[in-house]
PDB file of N, CA and C in Angstrom:
ATOM      1  N   MET A   1     -65.430-308.489-114.206  1.00  0.00           N
ATOM      2  CA  MET A   1     -65.035-309.798-114.304  1.00  0.00           C
ATOM      3  C   MET A   1     -66.323-310.562-113.926  1.00  0.00           C
ATOM      4  N   ALA A   2     -66.257-311.725-114.290  1.00  0.00           N
ATOM      5  CA  ALA A   2     -67.514-312.697-113.932  1.00  0.00           C
ATOM      6  C   ALA A   2     -66.884-313.334-112.597  1.00  0.00           C
ATOM      7  N   SER A   3     -68.068-313.910-111.758  1.00  0.00           N
ATOM      8  CA  SER A   3     -67.955-314.566-110.777  1.00  0.00           C
ATOM      9  C   SER A   3     -68.484-316.118-110.965  1.00  0.00           C
ATOM     10  N   LEU A   4     -67.799-316.822-110.310  1.00  0.00           N
ATOM     11  CA  LEU A   4     -68.253-318.396-110.407  1.00  0.00           C
ATOM     12  C   LEU A   4     -68.277-319.020-109.149  1.00  0.00           C
ATOM     13  N   LEU A   5     -69.406-319.362-108.898  1.00  0.00           N
ATOM     14  CA  LEU A   5     -69.719-320.396-107.490  1.00  0.00           C
ATOM     15  C   LEU A   5     -69.742-321.829-107.792  1.00  0.00           C
ATOM     16  N   ILE A   6     -69.090-322.421-107.116  1.00  0.00           N
ATOM     17  CA  ILE A   6     -69.029-323.914-107.410  1.00  0.00           C
ATOM     18  C   ILE A   6     -69.251-324.326-105.850  1.00  0.00           C
ATOM     19  N   ARG A   7     -70.699-325.327-105.918  1.00  0.00           N
ATOM     20  CA  ARG A   7     -71.036-325.984-104.809  1.00  0.00           C
ATOM     21  C   ARG A   7     -70.788-327.522-104.605  1.00  0.00           C
ATOM     22  N   ASN A   8     -70.943-327.945-103.359  1.00  0.00           N
ATOM     23  CA  ASN A   8     -70.779-329.330-103.223  1.00  0.00           C
ATOM     24  C   ASN A   8     -69.272-329.944-103.408  1.00  0.00           C
ATOM     25  N   VAL A   9     -68.306-329.081-103.394  1.00  0.00           N
ATOM     26  CA  VAL A   9     -66.915-329.498-103.528  1.00  0.00           C
ATOM     27  C   VAL A   9     -66.656-330.705-102.798  1.00  0.00           C
ATOM     28  N   ASP A  10     -66.111-331.701-102.989  1.00  0.00           N
ATOM     29  CA  ASP A  10     -65.650-332.890-102.303  1.00  0.00           C
ATOM     30  C   ASP A  10     -64.696-332.252-101.208  1.00  0.00           C
ATOM     31  N   ASP A  11     -64.634-332.714 -99.873  1.00  0.00           N
ATOM     32  CA  ASP A  11     -63.602-332.431 -98.909  1.00  0.00           C
ATOM     33  C   ASP A  11     -62.303-332.695 -99.446  1.00  0.00           C
ATOM     34  N   ALA A  12     -62.204-333.892 -99.733  1.00  0.00           N
ATOM     35  CA  ALA A  12     -60.899-334.130 -99.831  1.00  0.00           C
ATOM     36  C   ALA A  12     -60.343-333.291-101.163  1.00  0.00           C
ATOM     37  N   LEU A  13     -61.241-332.823-102.186  1.00  0.00           N
ATOM     38  CA  LEU A  13     -60.695-332.245-103.473  1.00  0.00           C
ATOM     39  C   LEU A  13     -60.359-330.620-102.747  1.00  0.00           C
ATOM     40  N   HIS A  14     -61.231-330.047-101.803  1.00  0.00           N
ATOM     41  CA  HIS A  14     -60.898-328.691-101.171  1.00  0.00           C
ATOM     42  C   HIS A  14     -59.471-328.918-100.506  1.00  0.00           C
ATOM     43  N   THR A  15     -59.333-330.075 -99.793  1.00  0.00           N
ATOM     44  CA  THR A  15     -58.212-330.135 -98.860  1.00  0.00           C
ATOM     45  C   THR A  15     -56.933-329.917 -99.938  1.00  0.00           C
ATOM     46  N   ARG A  16     -56.881-330.640-100.814  1.00  0.00           N
ATOM     47  CA  ARG A  16     -56.099-330.885-102.075  1.00  0.00           C
ATOM     48  C   ARG A  16     -55.680-329.466-102.668  1.00  0.00           C
ATOM     49  N   LEU A  17     -56.719-328.955-103.063  1.00  0.00           N
ATOM     50  CA  LEU A  17     -56.553-327.393-103.684  1.00  0.00           C
ATOM     51  C   LEU A  17     -56.156-326.475-102.614  1.00  0.00           C
ATOM     52  N   LYS A  18     -56.416-326.539-101.298  1.00  0.00           N
ATOM     53  CA  LYS A  18     -55.812-325.572-100.280  1.00  0.00           C
ATOM     54  C   LYS A  18     -54.234-326.093-100.244  1.00  0.00           C
ATOM     55  N   ALA A  19     -53.856-327.147-100.121  1.00  0.00           N
ATOM     56  CA  ALA A  19     -52.615-327.607-100.060  1.00  0.00           C
ATOM     57  C   ALA A  19     -51.595-327.120-101.500  1.00  0.00           C
ATOM     58  N   ARG A  20     -52.119-327.293-102.524  1.00  0.00           N
ATOM     59  CA  ARG A  20     -51.509-326.707-103.733  1.00  0.00           C
ATOM     60  C   ARG A  20     -51.346-325.305-103.540  1.00  0.00           C
ATOM     61  N   ALA A  21     -52.478-324.669-103.201  1.00  0.00           N
ATOM     62  CA  ALA A  21     -52.490-322.985-103.029  1.00  0.00           C
ATOM     63  C   ALA A  21     -51.339-322.748-102.282  1.00  0.00           C
ATOM     64  N   THR A  22     -51.289-323.297-101.096  1.00  0.00           N
ATOM     65  CA  THR A  22     -50.118-322.919-100.099  1.00  0.00           C
ATOM     66  C   THR A  22     -48.969-323.084-100.646  1.00  0.00           C
ATOM     67  N   ALA A  23     -49.026-324.347-101.272  1.00  0.00           N
ATOM     68  CA  ALA A  23     -47.189-324.718-101.861  1.00  0.00           C
ATOM     69  C   ALA A  23     -46.911-323.671-102.818  1.00  0.00           C
ATOM     70  N   ASN A  24     -48.006-323.263-103.768  1.00  0.00           N
ATOM     71  CA  ASN A  24     -47.756-322.152-104.613  1.00  0.00           C
ATOM     72  C   ASN A  24     -47.943-320.645-104.283  1.00  0.00           C
ATOM     73  N   HIS A  25     -48.055-320.429-102.983  1.00  0.00           N
ATOM     74  CA  HIS A  25     -48.132-319.100-102.532  1.00  0.00           C
ATOM     75  C   HIS A  25     -49.254-318.333-103.129  1.00  0.00           C
ATOM     76  N   ARG A  26     -50.319-318.913-103.104  1.00  0.00           N
ATOM     77  CA  ARG A  26     -51.481-318.306-103.842  1.00  0.00           C
ATOM     78  C   ARG A  26     -52.674-318.604-102.734  1.00  0.00           C
ATOM     79  N   SER A  27     -53.605-317.678-103.301  1.00  0.00           N
ATOM     80  CA  SER A  27     -55.053-317.891-102.409  1.00  0.00           C
ATOM     81  C   SER A  27     -55.639-318.985-103.007  1.00  0.00           C
ATOM     82  N   LEU A  28     -56.495-319.629-102.475  1.00  0.00           N
ATOM     83  CA  LEU A  28     -57.459-320.688-103.000  1.00  0.00           C
ATOM     84  C   LEU A  28     -58.135-320.296-104.191  1.00  0.00           C
ATOM     85  N   GLU A  29     -58.490-318.992-104.311  1.00  0.00           N
ATOM     86  CA  GLU A  29     -59.349-318.628-105.456  1.00  0.00           C
ATOM     87  C   GLU A  29     -58.400-318.516-106.642  1.00  0.00           C
ATOM     88  N   GLU A  30     -57.267-317.937-106.376  1.00  0.00           N
ATOM     89  CA  GLU A  30     -56.223-317.902-107.475  1.00  0.00           C
ATOM     90  C   GLU A  30     -55.768-319.345-107.837  1.00  0.00           C
ATOM     91  N   GLU A  31     -55.525-320.156-106.802  1.00  0.00           N
ATOM     92  CA  GLU A  31     -54.986-321.738-107.135  1.00  0.00           C
ATOM     93  C   GLU A  31     -56.099-322.099-108.087  1.00  0.00           C
ATOM     94  N   VAL A  32     -57.386-322.026-107.792  1.00  0.00           N
ATOM     95  CA  VAL A  32     -58.448-322.422-108.412  1.00  0.00           C
ATOM     96  C   VAL A  32     -58.484-321.904-110.166  1.00  0.00           C
ATOM     97  N   ARG A  33     -58.340-320.462-109.997  1.00  0.00           N
ATOM     98  CA  ARG A  33     -58.412-319.892-111.422  1.00  0.00           C
ATOM     99  C   ARG A  33     -57.484-320.593-112.363  1.00  0.00           C
ATOM    100  N   GLU A  34     -56.123-320.757-111.715  1.00  0.00           N
ATOM    101  CA  GLU A  34     -54.963-321.328-112.423  1.00  0.00           C
ATOM    102  C   GLU A  34     -55.182-322.489-112.903  1.00  0.00           C
ATOM    103  N   THR A  35     -55.563-323.283-112.217  1.00  0.00           N
ATOM    104  CA  THR A  35     -56.080-324.873-112.343  1.00  0.00           C
ATOM    105  C   THR A  35     -57.003-324.862-113.482  1.00  0.00           C
ATOM    106  N   LEU A  36     -58.054-324.176-113.510  1.00  0.00           N
ATOM    107  CA  LEU A  36     -59.090-323.954-114.768  1.00  0.00           C
ATOM    108  C   LEU A  36     -58.370-323.721-116.068  1.00  0.00           C
ATOM    109  N   ARG A  37     -57.482-322.495-115.783  1.00  0.00           N
ATOM    110  CA  ARG A  37     -56.560-322.017-117.070  1.00  0.00           C
ATOM    111  C   ARG A  37     -55.872-323.050-117.660  1.00  0.00           C
ATOM    112  N   LEU A  38     -55.009-323.968-116.778  1.00  0.00           N
ATOM    113  CA  LEU A  38     -54.525-324.926-117.153  1.00  0.00           C
ATOM    114  C   LEU A  38     -54.931-326.014-117.875  1.00  0.00           C
ATOM    115  N   ALA A  39     -56.327-326.426-117.230  1.00  0.00           N
ATOM    116  CA  ALA A  39     -56.962-327.514-117.766  1.00  0.00           C
ATOM    117  C   ALA A  39     -57.660-327.097-119.142  1.00  0.00           C
ATOM    118  N   LEU A  40     -58.118-325.890-119.315  1.00  0.00           N
ATOM    119  CA  LEU A  40     -58.501-325.493-120.667  1.00  0.00           C
ATOM    120  C   LEU A  40     -57.448-325.311-121.499  1.00  0.00           C
ATOM    121  N   ALA A  41     -56.254-324.919-121.048  1.00  0.00           N
ATOM    122  CA  ALA A  41     -54.907-324.707-122.237  1.00  0.00           C
ATOM    123  C   ALA A  41     -54.884-326.236-122.658  1.00  0.00           C
ATOM    124  N   ARG A  42     -55.201-327.266-122.199  1.00  0.00           N
ATOM    125  CA  ARG A  42     -54.857-328.604-122.670  1.00  0.00           C
ATOM    126  C   ARG A  42     -55.475-328.858-123.587  1.00  0.00           C
ATOM    127  N   THR A  43     -56.702-328.074-124.096  1.00  0.00           N
ATOM    128  CA  THR A  43     -57.469-328.379-125.239  1.00  0.00           C
ATOM    129  C   THR A  43     -57.173-327.558-126.195  1.00  0.00           C
ATOM    130  N   ASN A  44     -57.295-327.813-127.522  1.00  0.00           N
ATOM    131  CA  ASN A  44     -56.834-326.936-128.603  1.00  0.00           C
ATOM    132  C   ASN A  44     -58.417-326.157-128.990  1.00  0.00           C
ATOM    133  N   ASP A  45     -58.344-325.618-129.973  1.00  0.00           N
ATOM    134  CA  ASP A  45     -59.658-325.354-130.834  1.00  0.00           C
ATOM    135  C   ASP A  45     -60.399-326.202-131.120  1.00  0.00           C
ATOM    136  N   ARG A  46     -60.099-327.312-131.696  1.00  0.00           N
ATOM    137  CA  ARG A  46     -60.870-328.499-132.004  1.00  0.00           C
ATOM    138  C   ARG A  46     -61.428-329.247-130.793  1.00  0.00           C
ATOM    139  N   GLY A  47     -61.177-328.957-129.472  1.00  0.00           N
ATOM    140  CA  GLY A  47     -61.717-329.634-128.347  1.00  0.00           C
ATOM    141  C   GLY A  47     -60.733-330.713-128.165  1.00  0.00           C
ATOM    142  N   GLU A  48     -59.693-330.877-128.790  1.00  0.00           N
ATOM    143  CA  GLU A  48     -58.795-332.051-128.322  1.00  0.00           C
ATOM    144  C   GLU A  48     -57.822-331.877-127.264  1.00  0.00           C
ATOM    145  N   SER A  49     -57.857-332.936-126.373  1.00  0.00           N
ATOM    146  CA  SER A  49     -56.834-332.735-125.446  1.00  0.00           C
ATOM    147  C   SER A  49     -55.443-333.095-126.074  1.00  0.00           C
ATOM    148  N   LEU A  50     -54.285-332.622-125.244  1.00  0.00           N
ATOM    149  CA  LEU A  50     -52.920-333.029-125.871  1.00  0.00           C
ATOM    150  C   LEU A  50     -52.648-334.358-126.135  1.00  0.00           C
ATOM    151  N   VAL A  51     -53.274-335.501-125.272  1.00  0.00           N
ATOM    152  CA  VAL A  51     -53.094-336.637-125.759  1.00  0.00           C
ATOM    153  C   VAL A  51     -53.725-337.022-127.235  1.00  0.00           C
ATOM    154  N   GLU A  52     -55.064-336.421-127.463  1.00  0.00           N
ATOM    155  CA  GLU A  52     -55.611-336.487-128.758  1.00  0.00           C
ATOM    156  C   GLU A  52     -54.981-336.063-129.879  1.00  0.00           C
ATOM    157  N   LEU A  53     -54.490-334.908-129.555  1.00  0.00           N
ATOM    158  CA  LEU A  53     -53.484-334.123-130.605  1.00  0.00           C
ATOM    159  C   LEU A  53     -52.347-335.026-130.917  1.00  0.00           C
ATOM    160  N   ALA A  54     -51.845-335.262-129.940  1.00  0.00           N
ATOM    161  CA  ALA A  54     -50.372-336.177-130.120  1.00  0.00           C
ATOM    162  C   ALA A  54     -50.844-337.660-130.798  1.00  0.00           C
ATOM    163  N   THR A  55     -52.039-337.924-130.562  1.00  0.00           N
ATOM    164  CA  THR A  55     -52.471-339.243-131.405  1.00  0.00           C
ATOM    165  C   THR A  55     -52.713-338.826-132.545  1.00  0.00           C
ATOM    166  N   ARG A  56     -53.479-337.785-132.982  1.00  0.00           N
ATOM    167  CA  ARG A  56     -53.662-337.657-134.334  1.00  0.00           C
ATOM    168  C   ARG A  56     -52.411-337.306-135.391  1.00  0.00           C
ATOM    169  N   LEU A  57     -51.446-336.492-134.561  1.00  0.00           N
ATOM    170  CA  LEU A  57     -50.228-335.921-135.211  1.00  0.00           C
ATOM    171  C   LEU A  57     -49.279-337.248-135.222  1.00  0.00           C
ATOM    172  N   PHE A  58     -49.157-338.149-134.375  1.00  0.00           N
ATOM    173  CA  PHE A  58     -48.086-339.019-134.140  1.00  0.00           C
ATOM    174  C   PHE A  58     -48.535-340.510-134.049  1.00  0.00           C
ATOM    175  N   GLY A  59     -49.719-340.864-134.294  1.00  0.00           N
ATOM    176  CA  GLY A  59     -50.310-342.093-133.828  1.00  0.00           C
ATOM    177  C   GLY A  59     -49.840-342.889-134.695  1.00  0.00           C
ATOM    178  N   THR A  60     -50.301-344.304-134.455  1.00  0.00           N
ATOM    179  CA  THR A  60     -49.982-345.355-135.288  1.00  0.00           C
ATOM    180  C   THR A  60     -49.852-345.288-136.804  1.00  0.00           C
ATOM    181  N   ASP A  61     -50.729-344.241-137.369  1.00  0.00           N
ATOM    182  CA  ASP A  61     -50.685-344.270-138.967  1.00  0.00           C
ATOM    183  C   ASP A  61     -49.485-343.296-139.385  1.00  0.00           C
ATOM    184  N   HIS A  62     -48.913-342.899-138.451  1.00  0.00           N
ATOM    185  CA  HIS A  62     -47.754-341.758-138.817  1.00  0.00           C
ATOM    186  C   HIS A  62     -46.505-342.296-138.445  1.00  0.00           C
ATOM    187  N   GLY A  63     -46.356-343.552-137.867  1.00  0.00           N
ATOM    188  CA  GLY A  63     -45.048-343.992-137.132  1.00  0.00           C
ATOM    189  C   GLY A  63     -44.402-345.096-137.998  1.00  0.00           C
ATOM    190  N   THR A  64     -43.386-345.723-137.590  1.00  0.00           N
ATOM    191  CA  THR A  64     -42.771-346.889-138.230  1.00  0.00           C
ATOM    192  C   THR A  64     -42.538-347.865-137.239  1.00  0.00           C
ATOM    193  N   GLU A  65     -42.570-349.133-137.684  1.00  0.00           N
ATOM    194  CA  GLU A  65     -42.243-350.285-136.873  1.00  0.00           C
ATOM    195  C   GLU A  65     -40.587-350.292-136.801  1.00  0.00           C
ATOM    196  N   LEU A  66     -40.042-350.482-135.467  1.00  0.00           N
ATOM    197  CA  LEU A  66     -38.583-350.605-135.388  1.00  0.00           C
ATOM    198  C   LEU A  66     -38.336-352.035-134.792  1.00  0.00           C
ATOM    199  N   GLU A  67     -37.480-352.674-135.176  1.00  0.00           N
ATOM    200  CA  GLU A  67     -36.861-353.834-134.681  1.00  0.00           C
ATOM    201  C   GLU A  67     -36.088-353.568-133.505  1.00  0.00           C
ATOM    202  N   LEU A  68     -36.707-354.314-132.430  1.00  0.00           N
ATOM    203  CA  LEU A  68     -35.991-354.206-131.019  1.00  0.00           C
ATOM    204  C   LEU A  68     -34.795-355.274-131.159  1.00  0.00           C
ATOM    205  N   PRO A  69     -33.658-354.558-130.704  1.00  0.00           N
ATOM    206  CA  PRO A  69     -32.446-355.547-130.661  1.00  0.00           C
ATOM    207  C   PRO A  69     -32.787-357.059-129.502  1.00  0.00           C
ATOM    208  N   PRO A  70     -32.084-358.026-129.758  1.00  0.00           N
ATOM    209  CA  PRO A  70     -32.534-359.328-128.854  1.00  0.00           C
ATOM    210  C   PRO A  70     -31.965-358.628-127.441  1.00  0.00           C
ATOM    211  N   ARG A  71     -32.697-359.413-126.356  1.00  0.00           N
ATOM    212  CA  ARG A  71     -32.274-359.008-125.115  1.00  0.00           C
ATOM    213  C   ARG A  71     -31.019-360.012-124.557  1.00  0.00           C
ATOM    214  N   SER A  72     -30.267-359.479-123.670  1.00  0.00           N
ATOM    215  CA  SER A  72     -29.099-360.417-123.467  1.00  0.00           C
ATOM    216  C   SER A  72     -29.770-361.428-122.305  1.00  0.00           C
ATOM    217  N   LEU A  73     -29.219-362.659-122.764  1.00  0.00           N
ATOM    218  CA  LEU A  73     -29.639-363.945-121.768  1.00  0.00           C
ATOM    219  C   LEU A  73     -28.773-363.869-120.529  1.00  0.00           C
ATOM    220  N   ASP A  74     -27.716-363.120-120.324  1.00  0.00           N
ATOM    221  CA  ASP A  74     -26.674-363.076-119.550  1.00  0.00           C
ATOM    222  C   ASP A  74     -27.351-362.917-117.871  1.00  0.00           C
ATOM    223  N   LEU A  75     -27.746-363.836-117.291  1.00  0.00           N
ATOM    224  CA  LEU A  75     -28.364-363.585-116.090  1.00  0.00           C
ATOM    225  C   LEU A  75     -27.604-363.907-114.849  1.00  0.00           C
ATOM    226  N   GLU A  76     -26.358-364.275-115.031  1.00  0.00           N
ATOM    227  CA  GLU A  76     -25.377-364.474-114.032  1.00  0.00           C
ATOM    228  C   GLU A  76     -24.686-363.237-113.793  1.00  0.00           C
ATOM    229  N   ARG A  77     -25.147-362.031-114.297  1.00  0.00           N
ATOM    230  CA  ARG A  77     -24.408-360.821-114.242  1.00  0.00           C
ATOM    231  C   ARG A  77     -24.774-360.361-112.610  1.00  0.00           C
ATOM    232  N   PRO A  78     -23.876-359.965-111.831  1.00  0.00           N
ATOM    233  CA  PRO A  78     -24.110-359.519-110.454  1.00  0.00           C
ATOM    234  C   PRO A  78     -24.702-357.995-110.414  1.00  0.00           C
ATOM    235  N   PRO A  79     -25.592-358.088-109.342  1.00  0.00           N
ATOM    236  CA  PRO A  79     -26.658-356.797-109.299  1.00  0.00           C
ATOM    237  C   PRO A  79     -25.733-355.826-109.219  1.00  0.00           C
ATOM    238  N   PRO A  80     -26.166-354.180-109.433  1.00  0.00           N
ATOM    239  CA  PRO A  80     -25.333-353.325-109.255  1.00  0.00           C
ATOM    240  C   PRO A  80     -25.030-352.955-107.914  1.00  0.00           C
ATOM    241  N   ASP A  81     -23.746-352.300-107.296  1.00  0.00           N
ATOM    242  CA  ASP A  81     -23.616-351.773-106.176  1.00  0.00           C
ATOM    243  C   ASP A  81     -23.669-350.508-106.038  1.00  0.00           C
ATOM    244  N   PHE A  82     -24.755-349.935-105.051  1.00  0.00           N
ATOM    245  CA  PHE A  82     -25.119-348.600-104.966  1.00  0.00           C
ATOM    246  C   PHE A  82     -24.574-348.182-103.514  1.00  0.00           C
ATOM    247  N   ALA A  83     -23.425-348.855-102.932  1.00  0.00           N
ATOM    248  CA  ALA A  83     -23.230-348.518-101.854  1.00  0.00           C
ATOM    249  C   ALA A  83     -22.059-347.471-101.601  1.00  0.00           C
ATOM    250  N   GLY A  84     -21.485-346.997-102.429  1.00  0.00           N
ATOM    251  CA  GLY A  84     -20.356-346.106-102.589  1.00  0.00           C
ATOM    252  C   GLY A  84     -20.853-344.725-102.109  1.00  0.00           C
ATOM    253  N   PRO A  85     -19.952-343.708-101.765  1.00  0.00           N
ATOM    254  CA  PRO A  85     -20.408-342.537-101.214  1.00  0.00           C
ATOM    255  C   PRO A  85     -20.973-341.396-102.289  1.00  0.00           C
ATOM    256  N   GLU A  86     -20.925-341.914-103.436  1.00  0.00           N
ATOM    257  CA  GLU A  86     -21.452-340.890-104.565  1.00  0.00           C
ATOM    258  C   GLU A  86     -23.079-341.103-104.526  1.00  0.00           C
ATOM    259  N   PHE A  87     -23.533-341.991-103.914  1.00  0.00           N
ATOM    260  CA  PHE A  87     -24.970-342.569-103.912  1.00  0.00           C
ATOM    261  C   PHE A  87     -25.619-341.971-102.411  1.00  0.00           C
ATOM    262  N   ASP A  88     -24.694-341.419-101.590  1.00  0.00           N
ATOM    263  CA  ASP A  88     -25.441-341.093-100.265  1.00  0.00           C
ATOM    264  C   ASP A  88     -26.010-339.594-100.225  1.00  0.00           C
ATOM    265  N   HIS A  89     -27.152-339.319-100.725  1.00  0.00           N
ATOM    266  CA  HIS A  89     -27.791-338.209-100.811  1.00  0.00           C
ATOM    267  C   HIS A  89     -29.066-338.233 -99.785  1.00  0.00           C
TER     268      HIS A  89
END
């Protein structure tokens, strides 16, 4: 397997990576490998990101305009009450 050395890593980034590695029960090296795998998996063979792929497949040229229903002008409605025991978590 090939090795990769990355120099001049920002201290804040290093700290965040170490925290993620700890949270995921991985070594720092394994966390970085998984992060790189996931980042590359987000691009397809055309080099598109997931956002670019979704825009190409479902963008403004492929949708339809929906009419939004009118909003209620009932501004006198009381605010919801979240004081009940079902909200005590």
